[in-house]
């Protein structure tokens, strides 16, 4: 299984391979891996917080993913391979009902690579 969640809930899943997809992680949490390059830019975050424009944020974030398409393809292959041995959890800061780049990433991977990524 490949899933997404947020740091505050990650401690409930110690047996999963926990990947931080944010630029920073909480001091109380040590991920198994951190892929900060999957995080939105600070500028994107600041603009979204100031305007609440999720359409602009989504467009910019998807452009980041498209610019890194070969790296994303490699990541998808590695996630699928890892999933065969251990459940994988992609993590960032926002709670499950909040707008967040991890949901955009999960949707992108689900559509582009026919992965089934769920929210925990």
N, C-alpha and C. Protein backbone atom coordinates (compact mmCIF):
# COMPACT_ATOMS: atom_id res chain seq x y z
N UNK A 1 0.84 -1.17 0.00
CA UNK A 1 0.00 0.00 0.00
C UNK A 1 0.89 1.25 0.00
N UNK A 2 0.48 2.24 -0.78
CA UNK A 2 1.09 3.56 -0.74
C UNK A 2 0.00 4.51 -0.27
N UNK A 3 0.33 5.32 0.73
CA UNK A 3 -0.65 6.21 1.32
C UNK A 3 -0.03 7.58 1.57
N UNK A 4 -0.90 8.54 1.84
CA UNK A 4 -0.45 9.86 2.27
C UNK A 4 -1.05 10.15 3.64
N UNK A 5 -0.36 11.01 4.37
CA UNK A 5 -0.88 11.46 5.65
C UNK A 5 -0.08 12.69 6.08
N UNK A 6 -0.23 13.08 7.34
CA UNK A 6 0.47 14.25 7.84
C UNK A 6 1.29 13.86 9.06
N UNK A 7 2.28 14.68 9.36
CA UNK A 7 3.25 14.33 10.40
C UNK A 7 2.63 14.00 11.74
N UNK A 8 1.64 14.74 12.17
CA UNK A 8 1.05 14.50 13.49
C UNK A 8 0.44 13.11 13.61
N UNK A 9 0.07 12.53 12.49
CA UNK A 9 -0.54 11.20 12.50
C UNK A 9 0.47 10.09 12.16
N UNK A 10 1.63 10.46 11.68
CA UNK A 10 2.62 9.49 11.19
C UNK A 10 3.10 8.52 12.26
N UNK A 11 3.09 8.96 13.50
CA UNK A 11 3.59 8.09 14.58
C UNK A 11 2.71 6.85 14.74
N UNK A 12 1.50 6.89 14.22
CA UNK A 12 0.61 5.72 14.29
C UNK A 12 1.03 4.61 13.34
N UNK A 13 1.97 4.90 12.46
CA UNK A 13 2.35 3.95 11.42
C UNK A 13 3.86 3.69 11.43
N UNK A 14 4.40 3.21 12.55
CA UNK A 14 5.86 3.02 12.64
C UNK A 14 6.39 1.93 11.71
N UNK A 15 5.55 1.02 11.27
CA UNK A 15 6.01 -0.06 10.40
C UNK A 15 6.03 0.31 8.92
N UNK A 16 5.52 1.49 8.60
CA UNK A 16 5.53 1.94 7.21
C UNK A 16 6.83 2.68 6.91
N UNK A 17 7.23 2.68 5.65
CA UNK A 17 8.38 3.46 5.21
C UNK A 17 7.89 4.88 5.03
N UNK A 18 8.30 5.79 5.91
CA UNK A 18 7.74 7.13 5.99
C UNK A 18 8.62 8.14 5.26
N UNK A 19 8.07 8.74 4.21
CA UNK A 19 8.80 9.67 3.36
C UNK A 19 8.22 11.08 3.55
N UNK A 20 9.05 12.00 4.01
CA UNK A 20 8.64 13.40 4.11
C UNK A 20 8.76 14.03 2.73
N UNK A 21 7.69 14.67 2.27
CA UNK A 21 7.72 15.36 0.98
C UNK A 21 7.57 16.87 1.21
N UNK A 22 8.21 17.34 2.26
CA UNK A 22 8.16 18.75 2.65
C UNK A 22 9.59 19.27 2.79
N UNK A 23 9.70 20.58 2.83
CA UNK A 23 11.03 21.19 2.98
C UNK A 23 11.56 21.03 4.40
N UNK A 24 10.67 20.97 5.36
CA UNK A 24 11.06 20.82 6.76
C UNK A 24 10.24 19.69 7.38
N UNK A 25 10.72 19.20 8.50
CA UNK A 25 9.97 18.19 9.26
C UNK A 25 9.91 18.63 10.72
N UNK A 26 8.89 18.18 11.44
CA UNK A 26 8.82 18.55 12.87
C UNK A 26 10.00 17.98 13.64
N UNK A 27 10.39 18.66 14.68
CA UNK A 27 11.54 18.21 15.48
C UNK A 27 11.29 16.86 16.14
N UNK A 28 10.05 16.50 16.38
CA UNK A 28 9.72 15.23 17.04
C UNK A 28 9.71 14.04 16.08
N UNK A 29 9.90 14.28 14.80
CA UNK A 29 9.72 13.21 13.81
C UNK A 29 10.97 13.02 12.97
N UNK A 30 11.36 11.75 12.81
CA UNK A 30 12.48 11.43 11.94
C UNK A 30 11.96 10.53 10.82
N UNK A 31 11.87 11.08 9.61
CA UNK A 31 11.39 10.26 8.49
C UNK A 31 12.45 9.25 8.07
N UNK A 32 12.02 8.21 7.38
CA UNK A 32 12.96 7.25 6.82
C UNK A 32 13.68 7.87 5.62
N UNK A 33 13.03 8.84 5.00
CA UNK A 33 13.57 9.49 3.81
C UNK A 33 12.90 10.86 3.69
N UNK A 34 13.63 11.84 3.17
CA UNK A 34 13.02 13.15 2.92
C UNK A 34 13.29 13.55 1.49
N UNK A 35 12.23 13.86 0.76
CA UNK A 35 12.32 14.30 -0.64
C UNK A 35 11.81 15.73 -0.73
N UNK A 36 12.63 16.66 -0.26
CA UNK A 36 12.24 18.07 -0.22
C UNK A 36 11.98 18.63 -1.61
N UNK A 37 12.54 18.04 -2.64
CA UNK A 37 12.33 18.52 -4.00
C UNK A 37 10.87 18.34 -4.46
N UNK A 38 10.09 17.55 -3.72
CA UNK A 38 8.67 17.40 -4.03
C UNK A 38 7.80 18.46 -3.36
N UNK A 39 8.39 19.28 -2.55
CA UNK A 39 7.64 20.32 -1.84
C UNK A 39 7.43 21.53 -2.74
N UNK A 40 6.37 22.28 -2.50
CA UNK A 40 6.20 23.54 -3.23
C UNK A 40 7.27 24.54 -2.78
N UNK A 41 7.46 25.57 -3.58
CA UNK A 41 8.42 26.61 -3.18
C UNK A 41 7.85 27.43 -2.04
N UNK A 42 8.74 28.11 -1.32
CA UNK A 42 8.29 29.00 -0.25
C UNK A 42 7.41 30.10 -0.83
N UNK A 43 7.76 30.58 -2.01
CA UNK A 43 6.98 31.63 -2.67
C UNK A 43 5.55 31.16 -2.94
N UNK A 44 5.41 29.94 -3.43
CA UNK A 44 4.07 29.39 -3.68
C UNK A 44 3.25 29.32 -2.40
N UNK A 45 3.88 28.83 -1.34
CA UNK A 45 3.18 28.72 -0.06
C UNK A 45 2.74 30.09 0.46
N UNK A 46 3.64 31.05 0.39
CA UNK A 46 3.32 32.39 0.88
C UNK A 46 2.19 33.01 0.07
N UNK A 47 2.25 32.85 -1.24
CA UNK A 47 1.20 33.42 -2.10
C UNK A 47 -0.14 32.75 -1.82
N UNK A 48 -0.14 31.43 -1.67
CA UNK A 48 -1.38 30.72 -1.38
C UNK A 48 -1.97 31.17 -0.05
N UNK A 49 -1.12 31.31 0.96
CA UNK A 49 -1.60 31.74 2.27
C UNK A 49 -2.16 33.16 2.22
N UNK A 50 -1.57 33.99 1.36
CA UNK A 50 -2.03 35.38 1.25
C UNK A 50 -3.32 35.50 0.44
N UNK A 51 -3.46 34.67 -0.60
CA UNK A 51 -4.60 34.83 -1.52
C UNK A 51 -5.64 33.73 -1.42
N UNK A 52 -5.23 32.54 -0.96
CA UNK A 52 -6.14 31.39 -0.93
C UNK A 52 -6.46 30.85 -2.31
N UNK A 53 -5.66 31.24 -3.31
CA UNK A 53 -5.91 30.82 -4.70
C UNK A 53 -5.34 29.42 -4.94
N UNK A 54 -6.18 28.42 -4.76
CA UNK A 54 -5.73 27.04 -4.94
C UNK A 54 -5.51 26.71 -6.41
N UNK A 55 -6.19 27.40 -7.32
CA UNK A 55 -5.99 27.13 -8.76
C UNK A 55 -4.59 27.52 -9.21
N UNK A 56 -4.14 28.69 -8.78
CA UNK A 56 -2.79 29.13 -9.12
C UNK A 56 -1.75 28.18 -8.50
N UNK A 57 -1.95 27.85 -7.25
CA UNK A 57 -1.04 26.94 -6.54
C UNK A 57 -0.97 25.60 -7.27
N UNK A 58 -2.13 25.06 -7.63
CA UNK A 58 -2.19 23.77 -8.32
C UNK A 58 -1.44 23.84 -9.64
N UNK A 59 -1.70 24.88 -10.42
CA UNK A 59 -1.04 25.05 -11.71
C UNK A 59 0.48 25.09 -11.54
N UNK A 60 0.95 25.86 -10.59
CA UNK A 60 2.40 25.98 -10.35
C UNK A 60 2.99 24.67 -9.86
N UNK A 61 2.28 23.99 -8.98
CA UNK A 61 2.81 22.73 -8.45
C UNK A 61 2.87 21.66 -9.55
N UNK A 62 1.83 21.58 -10.36
CA UNK A 62 1.85 20.61 -11.46
C UNK A 62 2.97 20.94 -12.46
N UNK A 63 3.27 22.20 -12.64
CA UNK A 63 4.41 22.58 -13.49
C UNK A 63 5.73 22.09 -12.90
N UNK A 64 5.85 22.15 -11.58
CA UNK A 64 7.04 21.61 -10.92
C UNK A 64 7.16 20.11 -11.23
N UNK A 65 6.05 19.39 -11.09
CA UNK A 65 6.07 17.95 -11.37
C UNK A 65 6.40 17.67 -12.83
N UNK A 66 5.82 18.44 -13.73
CA UNK A 66 6.09 18.25 -15.16
C UNK A 66 7.54 18.55 -15.50
N UNK A 67 8.11 19.57 -14.88
CA UNK A 67 9.52 19.91 -15.11
C UNK A 67 10.45 18.80 -14.64
N UNK A 68 9.99 18.01 -13.70
CA UNK A 68 10.80 16.92 -13.14
C UNK A 68 10.25 15.56 -13.57
N UNK A 69 9.65 15.50 -14.75
CA UNK A 69 8.93 14.29 -15.15
C UNK A 69 9.79 13.03 -15.16
N UNK A 70 11.04 13.13 -15.59
CA UNK A 70 11.87 11.92 -15.59
C UNK A 70 12.21 11.48 -14.17
N UNK A 71 12.42 12.43 -13.29
CA UNK A 71 12.69 12.11 -11.89
C UNK A 71 11.43 11.55 -11.23
N UNK A 72 10.27 12.12 -11.55
CA UNK A 72 9.00 11.63 -11.02
C UNK A 72 8.74 10.20 -11.50
N UNK A 73 9.07 9.93 -12.75
CA UNK A 73 8.89 8.57 -13.28
C UNK A 73 9.77 7.58 -12.52
N UNK A 74 11.01 7.97 -12.26
CA UNK A 74 11.91 7.13 -11.47
C UNK A 74 11.36 6.93 -10.06
N UNK A 75 10.87 8.01 -9.46
CA UNK A 75 10.27 7.92 -8.12
C UNK A 75 9.10 6.95 -8.12
N UNK A 76 8.22 7.04 -9.10
CA UNK A 76 7.07 6.14 -9.18
C UNK A 76 7.52 4.69 -9.24
N UNK A 77 8.53 4.41 -10.05
CA UNK A 77 9.07 3.05 -10.15
C UNK A 77 9.61 2.58 -8.80
N UNK A 78 10.32 3.46 -8.11
CA UNK A 78 10.91 3.11 -6.81
C UNK A 78 9.81 2.91 -5.75
N UNK A 79 8.78 3.75 -5.78
CA UNK A 79 7.68 3.58 -4.83
C UNK A 79 6.97 2.25 -5.04
N UNK A 80 6.74 1.90 -6.29
CA UNK A 80 6.08 0.63 -6.61
C UNK A 80 6.94 -0.54 -6.14
N UNK A 81 8.24 -0.45 -6.38
CA UNK A 81 9.16 -1.51 -5.93
C UNK A 81 9.20 -1.59 -4.41
N UNK A 82 9.25 -0.46 -3.76
CA UNK A 82 9.30 -0.42 -2.28
C UNK A 82 8.01 -1.00 -1.70
N UNK A 83 6.89 -0.66 -2.32
CA UNK A 83 5.59 -1.11 -1.83
C UNK A 83 5.49 -2.63 -1.79
N UNK A 84 6.20 -3.31 -2.65
CA UNK A 84 6.17 -4.78 -2.67
C UNK A 84 6.77 -5.36 -1.39
N UNK A 85 7.65 -4.60 -0.73
CA UNK A 85 8.33 -5.07 0.48
C UNK A 85 7.77 -4.47 1.76
N UNK A 86 7.30 -3.22 1.66
CA UNK A 86 6.86 -2.49 2.85
C UNK A 86 5.87 -1.40 2.44
N UNK A 87 4.86 -1.19 3.25
CA UNK A 87 3.92 -0.10 2.98
C UNK A 87 4.65 1.24 3.05
N UNK A 88 4.23 2.17 2.20
CA UNK A 88 4.89 3.47 2.06
C UNK A 88 3.91 4.58 2.47
N UNK A 89 4.42 5.58 3.17
CA UNK A 89 3.60 6.69 3.61
C UNK A 89 4.29 8.00 3.21
N UNK A 90 3.61 8.80 2.37
CA UNK A 90 4.09 10.11 1.95
C UNK A 90 3.52 11.15 2.90
N UNK A 91 4.38 11.98 3.48
CA UNK A 91 3.96 12.86 4.57
C UNK A 91 4.31 14.32 4.35
N UNK A 92 3.42 15.19 4.84
CA UNK A 92 3.72 16.61 4.95
C UNK A 92 2.96 17.16 6.15
N UNK A 93 2.77 18.45 6.20
CA UNK A 93 2.26 19.12 7.39
C UNK A 93 0.74 19.19 7.51
N UNK A 94 0.04 19.34 6.40
CA UNK A 94 -1.39 19.64 6.45
C UNK A 94 -2.25 18.43 6.81
N UNK A 95 -3.31 18.67 7.55
CA UNK A 95 -4.26 17.63 7.90
C UNK A 95 -4.99 17.11 6.68
N UNK A 96 -5.71 16.00 6.81
CA UNK A 96 -6.31 15.33 5.65
C UNK A 96 -7.36 16.13 4.89
N UNK A 97 -8.06 17.01 5.56
CA UNK A 97 -9.12 17.75 4.87
C UNK A 97 -8.65 19.10 4.32
N UNK A 98 -7.40 19.43 4.53
CA UNK A 98 -6.87 20.72 4.07
C UNK A 98 -6.23 20.58 2.68
N UNK A 99 -6.33 21.64 1.91
CA UNK A 99 -5.69 21.69 0.60
C UNK A 99 -4.19 21.53 0.78
N UNK A 100 -3.58 20.66 -0.01
CA UNK A 100 -2.16 20.35 0.21
C UNK A 100 -1.52 19.75 -1.04
N UNK A 101 -0.23 19.99 -1.18
CA UNK A 101 0.49 19.45 -2.34
C UNK A 101 0.54 17.92 -2.33
N UNK A 102 0.47 17.28 -1.18
CA UNK A 102 0.54 15.82 -1.18
C UNK A 102 -0.67 15.21 -1.88
N UNK A 103 -1.82 15.88 -1.78
CA UNK A 103 -3.00 15.40 -2.50
C UNK A 103 -2.81 15.58 -4.01
N UNK A 104 -2.20 16.69 -4.39
CA UNK A 104 -1.92 16.93 -5.82
C UNK A 104 -0.92 15.89 -6.34
N UNK A 105 0.11 15.60 -5.54
CA UNK A 105 1.09 14.60 -5.93
C UNK A 105 0.44 13.23 -6.05
N UNK A 106 -0.36 12.86 -5.08
CA UNK A 106 -1.04 11.55 -5.12
C UNK A 106 -1.93 11.45 -6.35
N UNK A 107 -2.70 12.50 -6.64
CA UNK A 107 -3.55 12.49 -7.83
C UNK A 107 -2.72 12.35 -9.10
N UNK A 108 -1.62 13.08 -9.16
CA UNK A 108 -0.73 13.02 -10.33
C UNK A 108 -0.19 11.60 -10.53
N UNK A 109 0.29 10.99 -9.45
CA UNK A 109 0.83 9.63 -9.54
C UNK A 109 -0.27 8.62 -9.87
N UNK A 110 -1.45 8.82 -9.29
CA UNK A 110 -2.57 7.93 -9.58
C UNK A 110 -2.94 7.97 -11.06
N UNK A 111 -3.01 9.17 -11.63
CA UNK A 111 -3.41 9.32 -13.03
C UNK A 111 -2.27 8.95 -13.97
N UNK A 112 -1.10 9.50 -13.74
CA UNK A 112 0.03 9.33 -14.67
C UNK A 112 0.59 7.92 -14.67
N UNK A 113 0.63 7.27 -13.50
CA UNK A 113 1.28 5.96 -13.40
C UNK A 113 0.33 4.87 -12.92
N UNK A 114 -0.95 5.18 -12.90
CA UNK A 114 -1.97 4.20 -12.50
C UNK A 114 -1.70 3.58 -11.14
N UNK A 115 -1.20 4.42 -10.24
CA UNK A 115 -0.96 3.99 -8.87
C UNK A 115 -2.24 4.20 -8.08
N UNK A 116 -2.36 3.48 -6.99
CA UNK A 116 -3.51 3.65 -6.12
C UNK A 116 -2.99 4.13 -4.77
N UNK A 117 -3.03 5.45 -4.57
CA UNK A 117 -2.53 6.05 -3.35
C UNK A 117 -3.71 6.53 -2.54
N UNK A 118 -3.77 6.12 -1.29
CA UNK A 118 -4.90 6.44 -0.43
C UNK A 118 -4.47 7.40 0.67
N UNK A 119 -5.43 8.06 1.28
CA UNK A 119 -5.18 8.96 2.42
C UNK A 119 -5.46 8.19 3.72
N UNK A 120 -4.52 8.26 4.65
CA UNK A 120 -4.73 7.64 5.98
C UNK A 120 -5.07 8.71 6.99
